[in-house]
C-alpha atoms as a PDB file:
ATOM      1  CA  UNK A   1      49.162   5.228  -9.769  1.00  0.00           C
ATOM      2  CA  UNK A   2      45.443   5.461  -8.814  1.00  0.00           C
ATOM      3  CA  UNK A   3      44.272   8.584  -7.076  1.00  0.00           C
ATOM      4  CA  UNK A   4      43.182   8.105  -3.488  1.00  0.00           C
ATOM      5  CA  UNK A   5      40.193  10.116  -2.296  1.00  0.00           C
ATOM      6  CA  UNK A   6      40.959  12.802   0.224  1.00  0.00           C
ATOM      7  CA  UNK A   7      39.835  12.398   3.806  1.00  0.00           C
ATOM      8  CA  UNK A   8      37.359  15.219   3.208  1.00  0.00           C
ATOM      9  CA  UNK A   9      35.828  13.304   0.263  1.00  0.00           C
ATOM     10  CA  UNK A  10      35.604  10.163   2.341  1.00  0.00           C
ATOM     11  CA  UNK A  11      33.881  12.062   5.177  1.00  0.00           C
ATOM     12  CA  UNK A  12      31.433  13.626   2.727  1.00  0.00           C
ATOM     13  CA  UNK A  13      30.614  10.213   1.208  1.00  0.00           C
ATOM     14  CA  UNK A  14      30.127   8.668   4.660  1.00  0.00           C
ATOM     15  CA  UNK A  15      27.924  11.562   5.783  1.00  0.00           C
ATOM     16  CA  UNK A  16      25.807  11.257   2.646  1.00  0.00           C
ATOM     17  CA  UNK A  17      25.494   7.488   3.084  1.00  0.00           C
ATOM     18  CA  UNK A  18      24.503   7.998   6.735  1.00  0.00           C
ATOM     19  CA  UNK A  19      21.758  10.469   5.815  1.00  0.00           C
ATOM     20  CA  UNK A  20      20.405   8.128   3.134  1.00  0.00           C
ATOM     21  CA  UNK A  21      20.490   5.151   5.506  1.00  0.00           C
ATOM     22  CA  UNK A  22      18.796   7.105   8.294  1.00  0.00           C
ATOM     23  CA  UNK A  23      16.049   8.288   5.952  1.00  0.00           C
ATOM     24  CA  UNK A  24      15.361   4.777   4.699  1.00  0.00           C
ATOM     25  CA  UNK A  25      15.246   3.406   8.234  1.00  0.00           C
ATOM     26  CA  UNK A  26      12.985   6.140   9.598  1.00  0.00           C
ATOM     27  CA  UNK A  27      10.236   4.692  11.762  1.00  0.00           C
ATOM     28  CA  UNK A  28       6.828   4.298  10.184  1.00  0.00           C
ATOM     29  CA  UNK A  29       5.490   6.756  12.742  1.00  0.00           C
ATOM     30  CA  UNK A  30       7.484   9.495  10.997  1.00  0.00           C
ATOM     31  CA  UNK A  31       5.350   8.976   7.901  1.00  0.00           C
ATOM     32  CA  UNK A  32       1.790  10.176   7.513  1.00  0.00           C
ATOM     33  CA  UNK A  33      -0.692   7.529   8.647  1.00  0.00           C
ATOM     34  CA  UNK A  34      -2.886   6.052   5.927  1.00  0.00           C
ATOM     35  CA  UNK A  35      -6.095   7.931   5.163  1.00  0.00           C
ATOM     36  CA  UNK A  36      -9.073   5.553   5.173  1.00  0.00           C
ATOM     37  CA  UNK A  37     -11.403   8.121   3.565  1.00  0.00           C
ATOM     38  CA  UNK A  38      -8.965   8.778   0.715  1.00  0.00           C
ATOM     39  CA  UNK A  39      -8.568   5.016   0.285  1.00  0.00           C
ATOM     40  CA  UNK A  40     -12.310   4.604  -0.015  1.00  0.00           C
ATOM     41  CA  UNK A  41     -12.428   7.356  -2.664  1.00  0.00           C
ATOM     42  CA  UNK A  42      -9.697   5.641  -4.716  1.00  0.00           C
ATOM     43  CA  UNK A  43     -11.477   2.294  -4.352  1.00  0.00           C
ATOM     44  CA  UNK A  44     -14.828   3.753  -5.428  1.00  0.00           C
ATOM     45  CA  UNK A  45     -13.157   5.217  -8.493  1.00  0.00           C
ATOM     46  CA  UNK A  46     -10.775   2.435  -9.583  1.00  0.00           C
ATOM     47  CA  UNK A  47     -11.729  -0.842  -7.922  1.00  0.00           C
ATOM     48  CA  UNK A  48     -15.521  -0.875  -8.125  1.00  0.00           C
ATOM     49  CA  UNK A  49     -15.519  -2.316 -11.642  1.00  0.00           C
ATOM     50  CA  UNK A  50     -14.262  -5.640 -10.287  1.00  0.00           C
ATOM     51  CA  UNK A  51     -14.686  -5.636  -6.486  1.00  0.00           C
ATOM     52  CA  UNK A  52     -17.553  -4.846  -4.185  1.00  0.00           C
ATOM     53  CA  UNK A  53     -15.851  -2.062  -2.255  1.00  0.00           C
ATOM     54  CA  UNK A  54     -18.607  -1.030   0.164  1.00  0.00           C
ATOM     55  CA  UNK A  55     -19.965  -3.147   2.989  1.00  0.00           C
ATOM     56  CA  UNK A  56     -23.451  -4.493   2.251  1.00  0.00           C
ATOM     57  CA  UNK A  57     -24.003  -2.630  -1.021  1.00  0.00           C
ATOM     58  CA  UNK A  58     -27.470  -2.793  -2.560  1.00  0.00           C
ATOM     59  CA  UNK A  59     -27.778  -4.550  -5.930  1.00  0.00           C
ATOM     60  CA  UNK A  60     -24.044  -5.094  -6.466  1.00  0.00           C
ATOM     61  CA  UNK A  61     -22.956  -7.701  -8.945  1.00  0.00           C
ATOM     62  CA  UNK A  62     -19.400  -8.725  -9.750  1.00  0.00           C
ATOM     63  CA  UNK A  63     -17.697 -11.959 -10.705  1.00  0.00           C
ATOM     64  CA  UNK A  64     -17.970 -14.675  -8.075  1.00  0.00           C
ATOM     65  CA  UNK A  65     -14.211 -15.239  -8.457  1.00  0.00           C
ATOM     66  CA  UNK A  66     -13.348 -11.708  -7.305  1.00  0.00           C
ATOM     67  CA  UNK A  67     -13.688 -11.167  -3.551  1.00  0.00           C
ATOM     68  CA  UNK A  68     -15.416  -8.204  -1.977  1.00  0.00           C
ATOM     69  CA  UNK A  69     -13.178  -5.881   0.035  1.00  0.00           C
ATOM     70  CA  UNK A  70     -14.985  -6.970   3.190  1.00  0.00           C
ATOM     71  CA  UNK A  71     -14.123 -10.604   2.416  1.00  0.00           C
ATOM     72  CA  UNK A  72     -10.484  -9.669   1.777  1.00  0.00           C
ATOM     73  CA  UNK A  73     -10.301  -7.814   5.111  1.00  0.00           C
ATOM     74  CA  UNK A  74     -11.702 -10.790   7.003  1.00  0.00           C
ATOM     75  CA  UNK A  75      -9.334 -13.436   5.640  1.00  0.00           C
ATOM     76  CA  UNK A  76      -7.467 -15.201   8.451  1.00  0.00           C
ATOM     77  CA  UNK A  77      -4.175 -13.470   9.152  1.00  0.00           C
ATOM     78  CA  UNK A  78      -4.913 -10.587   6.796  1.00  0.00           C
ATOM     79  CA  UNK A  79      -2.968  -7.389   7.490  1.00  0.00           C
ATOM     80  CA  UNK A  80      -2.613  -4.037   5.768  1.00  0.00           C
ATOM     81  CA  UNK A  81       0.859  -5.150   4.674  1.00  0.00           C
ATOM     82  CA  UNK A  82      -0.471  -8.255   2.912  1.00  0.00           C
ATOM     83  CA  UNK A  83      -3.106  -6.136   1.178  1.00  0.00           C
ATOM     84  CA  UNK A  84      -0.418  -3.657   0.088  1.00  0.00           C
ATOM     85  CA  UNK A  85       1.615  -6.561  -1.309  1.00  0.00           C
ATOM     86  CA  UNK A  86      -1.358  -7.868  -3.279  1.00  0.00           C
ATOM     87  CA  UNK A  87      -1.890  -4.429  -4.805  1.00  0.00           C
ATOM     88  CA  UNK A  88       1.778  -3.756  -5.554  1.00  0.00           C
ATOM     89  CA  UNK A  89       2.386  -7.221  -7.004  1.00  0.00           C
ATOM     90  CA  UNK A  90      -0.898  -7.869  -8.765  1.00  0.00           C
ATOM     91  CA  UNK A  91      -2.067 -11.361  -9.596  1.00  0.00           C
ATOM     92  CA  UNK A  92      -4.313 -12.428 -12.451  1.00  0.00           C
ATOM     93  CA  UNK A  93      -6.927 -11.196 -13.109  1.00  0.00           C
ATOM     94  CA  UNK A  94      -5.897  -8.113 -11.072  1.00  0.00           C
ATOM     95  CA  UNK A  95      -4.543  -5.388 -13.347  1.00  0.00           C
ATOM     96  CA  UNK A  96      -1.523  -3.239 -12.626  1.00  0.00           C
ATOM     97  CA  UNK A  97      -3.048  -0.297 -10.755  1.00  0.00           C
ATOM     98  CA  UNK A  98      -0.282   2.318 -11.185  1.00  0.00           C
ATOM     99  CA  UNK A  99      -1.163   3.867  -7.835  1.00  0.00           C
ATOM    100  CA  UNK A 100       1.250   5.901  -5.749  1.00  0.00           C
ATOM    101  CA  UNK A 101       2.577   4.303  -2.584  1.00  0.00           C
ATOM    102  CA  UNK A 102       0.383   6.675  -0.557  1.00  0.00           C
ATOM    103  CA  UNK A 103      -2.729   5.637  -2.530  1.00  0.00           C
ATOM    104  CA  UNK A 104      -1.893   1.948  -2.081  1.00  0.00           C
ATOM    105  CA  UNK A 105      -1.500   2.434   1.687  1.00  0.00           C
ATOM    106  CA  UNK A 106      -4.773   4.363   1.812  1.00  0.00           C
ATOM    107  CA  UNK A 107      -6.680   1.657  -0.097  1.00  0.00           C
ATOM    108  CA  UNK A 108      -5.196  -1.031   2.149  1.00  0.00           C
ATOM    109  CA  UNK A 109      -6.240   0.973   5.227  1.00  0.00           C
ATOM    110  CA  UNK A 110      -9.762   1.297   3.829  1.00  0.00           C
ATOM    111  CA  UNK A 111      -9.959  -2.434   3.143  1.00  0.00           C
ATOM    112  CA  UNK A 112      -8.751  -3.246   6.652  1.00  0.00           C
ATOM    113  CA  UNK A 113     -11.317  -0.811   8.093  1.00  0.00           C
ATOM    114  CA  UNK A 114     -13.952  -3.285   6.862  1.00  0.00           C
ATOM    115  CA  UNK A 115     -12.609  -6.107   9.031  1.00  0.00           C
ATOM    116  CA  UNK A 116     -15.265  -7.890  11.116  1.00  0.00           C
ATOM    117  CA  UNK A 117     -18.155  -5.944   9.537  1.00  0.00           C
ATOM    118  CA  UNK A 118     -20.328  -8.916   8.737  1.00  0.00           C
END
């Protein structure tokens, strides 16, 4: 005959599940807001080899097929979430960046800070 969990075990499992669910559904405002300056620093270190990361940089040359961050920010309908998705799920020729979630959010915030700077 299979053993039935005690009511105490069931309560403990439900409490644990509730805590996990509440943590995963926490509002975005409970998290630290993205840091544009930190995003710029990551971009200047890791992204500059392929993208123009600064607005109006002097003497910058990159492949014509790779958009500048300013161009990415100004795409119709572009949001920080779509930028995050493009970083997290890279597309050729974009390499896997191996950034933390915080770094990805910071880079996306930096990119979006360039919106309408033309």
